[in-house]
Amino acid sequence: MSMPAVQAFDVVIPDSAWSDLRDRVEGARWPVEPDDAGWQYGIPLDYLKALTSYWVNDFDWPAAQAAINEKQHLHISLPLEGGEHIVVHVEKTAAIGSDDKPPILLTAGWPSCFLEYRHVTEALARSGRTVYVADLPGFGLSAAPPRPLDPRQMARMWRNMMVDVLGHSAFVVQGGDWGSVVASWLGVDHADVVKAVSLTMLGLKPAFGPDDPPLCDEEKAWLKEMQKRLSKDSGYREVQATKPTTLAVGLVDSPVAVAAWLAEKYIGWSGGLDNATRLTFDEILVPISLYWYTGNIASANWIYWADRNIGGIGLEPGQKCSVPTGFGFFDQGFFPFPPDAWVNRAYNMVDRENHDLGGHFPAWTQPELFTQNLLGFLGKEAGA
């Protein structure tokens, strides 16, 4: 018997998984690091040792699990090409008050999951919109697909989920990191049902045809800065885009490795410890625990392989996200703010706000500002 298309569930991690985690952390082998290493070689061992010690001695996973289960969680079965199906996870927060506005679909990227939005869903629902937070296939609580999927394929899945399964005739979508790419493809390919796109990261790369204007000086300077940033922090991308299984052997076997791989990005992409003050041990150990218990960090990494080998962020000549798009750029993150000239090549940008803080995970680190930014944009768009 096949499972229902939509099935409610609670997150339940058995006690034996916690015992196994404790034993593995306490038996960890630690590498050497250079003197006065700081963060320039990766996560400092003194920080990681303190984090993992707190994980097994003080962190309250049962309380975190109970808080997660205060929301409604759904397993949704979606078809893949070739007749296969995949079960994805969606968290739902029902609209508080009026429900006559298109719902909001929130979708995060790497190395994140639905938990990135856990401090904003109630405030968004109070605006009168039902809020869905969807884990990309293989991320968070979504099942791993049988093979890597690219962001455009995922966008088709989200359209199918929102319209054909959940029954909405229209919706708005917000995305960050890879979620911004998926959200952008929704705006390119499914403008008939997507009323607005909100992004905290530039998703798509424009194509250059014979009629497109040449790069301006501001664009050239930005591209140069992008390359500079990537040269300092792109090793993770290369290994995940080329040999993800080799990396995954360590990540699914060692909780210390998972903590190092994720915490270094959570802190580093939020402006460092001085700016990421909200990202306490208790905060970052919730998604780290989830990725350890599920083992889904392995399949979440596949999206980089798919981008490299199938397709990801590149538009074709003449192609554009025509849906009204609003950008909220938050400083202290991974990428520098793009110039308008570059953004307008790929998007119908109708709103833009630049913020001094927030980094790569603004819904997590600056939830009030993120909510204000998103609802402010949607309030300007008639029909959205």
Protein backbone atom coordinates (compact mmCIF):
# COMPACT_ATOMS: atom_id res chain seq x y z
CA MET A 1 0.00 0.00 0.00
CA SER A 2 1.39 3.40 -0.94
CA MET A 3 1.58 6.12 1.69
CA PRO A 4 -0.83 9.07 1.55
CA ALA A 5 0.35 12.07 -0.45
CA VAL A 6 0.41 14.15 2.76
CA GLN A 7 1.08 12.62 6.15
CA ALA A 8 1.54 14.41 9.49
CA PHE A 9 4.36 13.25 11.76
CA ASP A 10 6.43 14.22 14.80
CA VAL A 11 10.20 14.30 14.97
CA VAL A 12 11.29 11.51 17.33
CA ILE A 13 14.95 10.64 17.89
CA PRO A 14 15.43 7.51 20.06
CA ASP A 15 17.47 7.62 23.26
CA SER A 16 19.91 5.13 21.79
CA ALA A 17 20.95 7.71 19.19
CA TRP A 18 21.94 10.12 21.96
CA SER A 19 23.97 7.42 23.73
CA ASP A 20 25.77 6.64 20.48
CA LEU A 21 26.48 10.36 19.94
CA ARG A 22 27.99 10.69 23.43
CA ASP A 23 30.23 7.67 22.96
CA ARG A 24 31.51 8.91 19.60
CA VAL A 25 32.25 12.43 20.86
CA GLU A 26 34.03 11.17 23.96
CA GLY A 27 36.13 8.82 21.82
CA ALA A 28 37.01 11.43 19.18
CA ARG A 29 40.55 11.76 17.86
CA TRP A 30 41.69 15.34 17.45
CA PRO A 31 44.03 16.72 14.77
CA VAL A 32 46.92 19.09 15.34
CA GLU A 33 46.57 22.72 14.34
CA PRO A 34 49.11 25.52 13.85
CA ASP A 35 50.00 27.77 16.78
CA ASP A 36 47.70 30.79 17.10
CA ALA A 37 45.52 29.33 14.36
CA GLY A 38 42.35 31.34 14.99
CA TRP A 39 39.77 30.76 12.27
CA GLN A 40 42.09 31.09 9.28
CA TYR A 41 42.67 27.32 8.96
CA GLY A 42 39.06 26.39 9.65
CA ILE A 43 37.24 25.95 12.93
CA PRO A 44 39.55 26.43 15.95
CA LEU A 45 39.92 23.28 18.02
CA ASP A 46 39.34 25.04 21.33
CA TYR A 47 35.96 26.28 20.04
CA LEU A 48 35.07 22.86 18.62
CA LYS A 49 36.07 21.02 21.80
CA ALA A 50 33.96 23.38 23.89
CA LEU A 51 31.01 23.02 21.48
CA THR A 52 31.09 19.21 21.38
CA SER A 53 31.61 18.96 25.15
CA TYR A 54 28.53 21.12 25.63
CA TRP A 55 26.71 18.94 23.11
CA VAL A 56 27.04 15.77 25.18
CA ASN A 57 27.03 17.28 28.68
CA ASP A 58 24.65 20.24 28.67
CA PHE A 59 22.64 20.49 25.46
CA ASP A 60 18.96 19.55 25.92
CA TRP A 61 17.92 17.75 22.74
CA PRO A 62 14.57 16.55 24.20
CA ALA A 63 13.60 20.19 24.80
CA ALA A 64 14.71 21.16 21.31
CA GLN A 65 12.76 18.23 19.84
CA ALA A 66 9.65 19.25 21.79
CA ALA A 67 9.94 22.81 20.47
CA ILE A 68 10.24 21.50 16.91
CA ASN A 69 7.11 19.39 17.40
CA GLU A 70 5.07 22.39 18.48
CA LYS A 71 4.76 23.08 14.75
CA GLN A 72 2.89 20.92 12.25
CA HIS A 73 5.20 18.70 10.22
CA LEU A 74 4.21 16.98 6.99
CA HIS A 75 5.73 14.26 4.87
CA ILE A 76 4.69 14.87 1.27
CA SER A 77 5.20 12.30 -1.46
CA LEU A 78 6.22 13.91 -4.75
CA PRO A 79 6.85 12.25 -8.12
CA LEU A 80 10.25 12.28 -9.74
CA GLU A 81 10.97 11.88 -13.42
CA GLY A 82 10.84 8.23 -14.39
CA GLY A 83 7.93 7.26 -12.15
CA GLU A 84 9.84 7.28 -8.85
CA HIS A 85 8.68 9.21 -5.79
CA ILE A 86 10.45 11.06 -3.01
CA VAL A 87 9.16 12.04 0.43
CA VAL A 88 9.95 15.62 1.38
CA HIS A 89 9.47 17.43 4.67
CA VAL A 90 7.40 20.58 5.06
CA GLU A 91 6.65 22.52 8.23
CA LYS A 92 3.31 24.36 8.21
CA THR A 93 2.23 27.36 10.29
CA ALA A 94 -1.41 28.22 9.69
CA ALA A 95 -2.38 31.81 8.98
CA ILE A 96 -3.33 33.81 12.06
CA GLY A 97 -6.30 35.97 11.15
CA SER A 98 -7.19 36.44 7.49
CA ASP A 99 -6.15 33.68 5.09
CA ASP A 100 -7.07 35.39 1.83
CA LYS A 101 -3.48 36.11 0.79
CA PRO A 102 -1.27 33.72 -1.17
CA PRO A 103 0.74 31.50 1.20
CA ILE A 104 4.46 31.92 1.69
CA LEU A 105 6.86 29.11 0.81
CA LEU A 106 10.23 29.45 2.56
CA THR A 107 13.11 27.31 1.40
CA ALA A 108 16.64 27.43 2.73
CA GLY A 109 19.88 26.10 1.28
CA TRP A 110 23.19 24.66 2.43
CA PRO A 111 24.18 23.90 5.14
CA SER A 112 20.77 24.74 6.48
CA CYS A 113 17.25 23.32 6.74
CA PHE A 114 13.78 24.28 7.92
CA LEU A 115 15.22 25.24 11.32
CA GLU A 116 16.72 28.41 9.83
CA TYR A 117 13.22 29.93 9.81
CA ARG A 118 12.02 28.75 13.21
CA HIS A 119 12.08 32.26 14.71
CA VAL A 120 10.04 33.94 11.93
CA THR A 121 7.15 31.65 10.97
CA GLU A 122 4.75 32.79 13.69
CA ALA A 123 5.33 36.48 12.89
CA LEU A 124 4.80 35.80 9.18
CA ALA A 125 1.59 33.88 9.93
CA ARG A 126 0.29 36.85 11.91
CA SER A 127 0.31 38.77 8.62
CA GLY A 128 -2.59 36.55 7.53
CA ARG A 129 -0.62 34.07 5.43
CA THR A 130 -0.15 30.36 5.80
CA VAL A 131 3.57 29.65 5.95
CA TYR A 132 5.29 26.56 4.59
CA VAL A 133 8.96 25.79 5.19
CA ALA A 134 10.23 23.10 2.83
CA ASP A 135 13.46 21.14 3.15
CA LEU A 136 15.07 20.62 -0.24
CA PRO A 137 15.33 16.94 -1.25
CA GLY A 138 18.03 15.34 0.87
CA PHE A 139 18.20 18.30 3.27
CA GLY A 140 16.99 18.43 6.87
CA LEU A 141 14.12 15.97 7.23
CA SER A 142 13.52 15.39 3.50
CA ALA A 143 14.50 12.00 2.17
CA ALA A 144 17.56 11.63 0.00
CA PRO A 145 16.64 11.38 -3.69
CA PRO A 146 17.87 8.30 -5.57
CA ARG A 147 20.42 10.52 -7.34
CA PRO A 148 21.42 14.20 -7.19
CA LEU A 149 18.79 16.72 -8.30
CA ASP A 150 19.55 20.16 -9.64
CA PRO A 151 17.78 23.34 -8.43
CA ARG A 152 15.55 23.62 -11.49
CA GLN A 153 14.25 20.10 -10.93
CA MET A 154 13.57 21.02 -7.31
CA ALA A 155 11.65 24.10 -8.42
CA ARG A 156 9.33 21.91 -10.50
CA MET A 157 8.80 19.74 -7.44
CA TRP A 158 7.87 22.74 -5.30
CA ARG A 159 5.39 23.94 -7.93
CA ASN A 160 3.81 20.47 -7.98
CA MET A 161 3.73 20.36 -4.19
CA MET A 162 2.13 23.78 -3.69
CA VAL A 163 -0.42 23.56 -6.50
CA ASP A 164 -1.20 19.91 -7.18
CA VAL A 165 -0.75 18.47 -3.68
CA LEU A 166 -1.49 21.32 -1.26
CA GLY A 167 -4.11 22.87 -3.52
CA HIS A 168 -2.99 26.51 -3.77
CA SER A 169 -3.66 28.34 -7.01
CA ALA A 170 -0.89 30.85 -6.29
CA PHE A 171 1.88 31.44 -3.76
CA VAL A 172 4.91 33.58 -3.03
CA VAL A 173 8.35 32.14 -2.41
CA GLN A 174 11.34 33.23 -0.36
CA GLY A 175 14.75 31.63 -0.56
CA GLY A 176 18.29 31.88 0.71
CA ASP A 177 21.47 30.16 -0.50
CA TRP A 178 20.43 27.25 -2.77
CA GLY A 179 16.86 28.07 -1.80
CA SER A 180 17.34 31.37 -3.61
CA VAL A 181 18.27 29.45 -6.75
CA VAL A 182 15.23 27.18 -6.46
CA ALA A 183 13.00 30.19 -5.76
CA SER A 184 14.44 31.97 -8.79
CA TRP A 185 13.73 29.04 -11.09
CA LEU A 186 10.17 29.06 -9.80
CA GLY A 187 9.97 32.66 -10.98
CA VAL A 188 11.44 31.76 -14.37
CA ASP A 189 9.48 28.61 -15.14
CA HIS A 190 6.27 28.95 -13.12
CA ALA A 191 5.28 32.60 -13.26
CA ASP A 192 1.65 31.53 -13.75
CA VAL A 193 1.40 30.51 -10.08
CA VAL A 194 4.29 32.37 -8.40
CA LYS A 195 3.16 35.91 -7.57
CA ALA A 196 6.37 37.23 -6.02
CA VAL A 197 9.93 36.09 -5.31
CA SER A 198 11.90 37.28 -2.29
CA LEU A 199 15.61 36.51 -2.03
CA THR A 200 18.40 37.04 0.47
CA MET A 201 21.05 35.87 -1.99
CA LEU A 202 21.47 36.38 -5.71
CA GLY A 203 20.37 33.11 -7.26
CA LEU A 204 20.79 33.03 -11.04
CA LYS A 205 23.64 34.01 -13.31
CA PRO A 206 22.62 35.99 -16.41
CA ALA A 207 23.50 34.89 -19.90
CA PHE A 208 25.14 37.36 -22.26
CA GLY A 209 23.69 37.63 -25.75
CA PRO A 210 24.70 39.92 -28.62
CA ASP A 211 22.11 42.54 -27.60
CA ASP A 212 23.10 42.70 -23.93
CA PRO A 213 25.07 45.73 -22.75
CA PRO A 214 28.72 45.15 -21.79
CA LEU A 215 29.77 45.01 -18.17
CA CYS A 216 29.94 48.36 -16.45
CA ASP A 217 32.81 49.31 -14.15
CA GLU A 218 30.75 48.53 -11.04
CA GLU A 219 29.99 45.03 -12.31
CA LYS A 220 33.64 44.40 -13.15
CA ALA A 221 34.73 45.47 -9.67
CA TRP A 222 32.07 43.27 -8.06
CA LEU A 223 33.09 40.21 -10.10
CA LYS A 224 36.69 40.77 -9.07
CA GLU A 225 35.66 40.92 -5.41
CA MET A 226 33.59 37.76 -5.86
CA GLN A 227 36.62 35.86 -7.13
CA LYS A 228 38.65 37.16 -4.21
CA ARG A 229 36.07 35.91 -1.72
CA LEU A 230 35.73 32.54 -3.44
CA SER A 231 39.48 32.01 -3.43
CA LYS A 232 39.41 32.22 0.36
CA ASP A 233 36.40 30.02 1.04
CA SER A 234 35.51 27.65 -1.77
CA GLY A 235 37.23 24.40 -0.76
CA TYR A 236 33.99 22.97 0.58
CA ARG A 237 32.31 23.69 -2.76
CA GLU A 238 34.97 21.87 -4.75
CA VAL A 239 34.95 18.68 -2.71
CA GLN A 240 31.14 18.56 -2.56
CA ALA A 241 30.91 19.22 -6.30
CA THR A 242 33.44 16.55 -7.21
CA LYS A 243 33.77 13.83 -4.54
CA PRO A 244 30.83 14.18 -2.13
CA THR A 245 30.77 10.50 -1.10
CA THR A 246 34.41 10.52 -0.04
CA LEU A 247 33.67 13.44 2.28
CA ALA A 248 30.44 11.85 3.50
CA VAL A 249 32.27 8.79 4.84
CA GLY A 250 33.69 10.94 7.61
CA LEU A 251 30.62 13.11 8.13
CA VAL A 252 28.19 10.26 8.74
CA ASP A 253 30.65 8.43 11.02
CA SER A 254 31.88 11.28 13.22
CA PRO A 255 29.61 13.78 15.01
CA VAL A 256 32.68 15.91 15.69
CA ALA A 257 33.25 16.13 11.93
CA VAL A 258 29.64 17.19 11.34
CA ALA A 259 29.89 19.81 14.10
CA ALA A 260 33.11 21.17 12.58
CA TRP A 261 31.80 21.19 9.00
CA LEU A 262 28.58 23.01 9.90
CA ALA A 263 29.55 25.27 12.80
CA GLU A 264 32.44 26.76 10.85
CA LYS A 265 29.98 27.91 8.18
CA TYR A 266 27.25 29.01 10.57
CA ILE A 267 29.69 31.25 12.44
CA GLY A 268 31.91 32.29 9.54
CA TRP A 269 29.03 33.20 7.23
CA SER A 270 27.36 35.22 9.98
CA GLY A 271 30.28 37.59 10.40
CA GLY A 272 32.32 35.67 12.96
CA LEU A 273 31.80 35.31 16.70
CA ASP A 274 31.59 39.05 17.30
CA ASN A 275 28.61 39.43 14.95
CA ALA A 276 26.99 36.00 15.33
CA THR A 277 26.06 36.61 18.95
CA ARG A 278 22.64 35.00 18.51
CA LEU A 279 24.29 31.77 17.38
CA THR A 280 24.93 30.33 20.83
CA PHE A 281 25.89 26.70 21.37
CA ASP A 282 22.21 25.93 22.03
CA GLU A 283 21.17 27.58 18.76
CA ILE A 284 23.66 25.93 16.42
CA LEU A 285 23.45 22.51 18.04
CA VAL A 286 19.80 22.13 16.99
CA PRO A 287 20.51 21.87 13.23
CA ILE A 288 23.84 20.13 13.88
CA SER A 289 22.03 17.49 15.95
CA LEU A 290 19.37 17.05 13.29
CA TYR A 291 21.94 16.53 10.55
CA TRP A 292 23.88 14.10 12.72
CA TYR A 293 20.84 12.03 13.70
CA THR A 294 19.44 11.85 10.16
CA GLY A 295 22.76 11.48 8.32
CA ASN A 296 21.32 13.82 5.68
CA ILE A 297 24.39 16.02 5.50
CA ALA A 298 25.66 13.49 2.94
CA SER A 299 22.71 13.95 0.56
CA ALA A 300 22.45 17.70 1.20
CA ASN A 301 25.96 18.02 -0.22
CA TRP A 302 24.87 16.45 -3.53
CA ILE A 303 23.38 19.70 -4.80
CA TYR A 304 26.90 20.94 -5.53
CA TRP A 305 27.59 17.87 -7.68
CA ALA A 306 24.29 18.44 -9.49
CA ASP A 307 25.15 22.07 -10.11
CA ARG A 308 28.51 21.10 -11.58
CA ASN A 309 27.32 18.14 -13.65
CA ILE A 310 23.61 18.68 -14.45
CA GLY A 311 22.69 22.35 -14.18
CA GLY A 312 22.27 24.99 -11.55
CA ILE A 313 22.43 28.75 -11.74
CA GLY A 314 22.98 29.65 -15.39
CA LEU A 315 20.27 31.30 -17.46
CA GLU A 316 20.08 31.01 -21.23
CA PRO A 317 20.21 34.10 -23.49
CA GLY A 318 16.93 35.99 -23.27
CA GLN A 319 15.84 34.13 -20.14
CA LYS A 320 14.92 36.10 -17.00
CA CYS A 321 12.98 35.83 -13.76
CA SER A 322 10.02 37.94 -14.82
CA VAL A 323 8.08 37.65 -11.54
CA PRO A 324 8.34 40.76 -9.32
CA THR A 325 11.40 40.11 -7.17
CA GLY A 326 12.48 41.74 -3.94
CA PHE A 327 15.97 41.46 -2.51
CA GLY A 328 17.03 41.77 1.10
CA PHE A 329 20.82 41.72 1.20
CA PHE A 330 22.39 41.28 4.63
CA ASP A 331 26.06 42.14 5.18
CA GLN A 332 28.65 39.97 6.96
CA GLY A 333 27.70 36.97 4.85
CA PHE A 334 29.53 35.04 2.17
CA PHE A 335 28.98 37.21 -0.91
CA PRO A 336 29.43 40.97 -1.39
CA PHE A 337 26.37 42.97 -2.37
CA PRO A 338 25.83 42.81 -6.15
CA PRO A 339 25.32 46.00 -8.17
CA ASP A 340 21.86 46.73 -9.52
CA ALA A 341 23.13 46.51 -13.07
CA TRP A 342 24.05 42.85 -12.60
CA VAL A 343 20.84 41.96 -10.73
CA ASN A 344 18.66 43.55 -13.41
CA ARG A 345 20.19 41.34 -16.08
CA ALA A 346 18.53 38.27 -14.52
CA TYR A 347 15.59 39.60 -12.50
CA ASN A 348 12.59 41.86 -12.56
CA MET A 349 13.84 43.57 -9.41
CA VAL A 350 11.16 45.84 -7.95
CA ASP A 351 12.48 46.18 -4.41
CA ARG A 352 15.86 46.11 -2.71
CA GLU A 353 17.03 46.65 0.86
CA ASN A 354 20.65 46.48 2.05
CA HIS A 355 21.28 45.74 5.72
CA ASP A 356 24.49 46.06 7.76
CA LEU A 357 24.11 42.76 9.62
CA GLY A 358 22.41 39.40 9.23
CA GLY A 359 24.93 37.47 7.21
CA HIS A 360 24.04 34.40 5.22
CA PHE A 361 21.26 33.24 7.55
CA PRO A 362 19.30 36.43 8.33
CA ALA A 363 16.05 34.69 9.31
CA TRP A 364 18.10 32.96 12.01
CA THR A 365 20.44 35.75 13.12
CA GLN A 366 18.16 38.79 12.56
CA PRO A 367 14.60 37.40 12.59
CA GLU A 368 12.83 40.70 13.25
CA LEU A 369 14.70 42.48 10.46
CA PHE A 370 14.18 39.56 8.08
CA THR A 371 10.43 39.51 8.78
CA GLN A 372 10.15 43.26 8.34
CA ASN A 373 12.05 43.08 5.05
CA LEU A 374 9.94 40.25 3.61
CA LEU A 375 6.54 41.60 4.67
CA GLY A 376 7.51 45.11 3.59
CA PHE A 377 8.23 43.84 0.08
CA LEU A 378 5.07 41.76 -0.12
CA GLY A 379 3.01 44.70 1.08
CA LYS A 380 4.15 46.70 -1.94
CA GLU A 381 3.13 44.02 -4.45
CA ALA A 382 -0.57 44.01 -5.34
CA GLY A 383 -1.83 40.47 -5.66
CA ALA A 384 1.07 39.05 -3.67
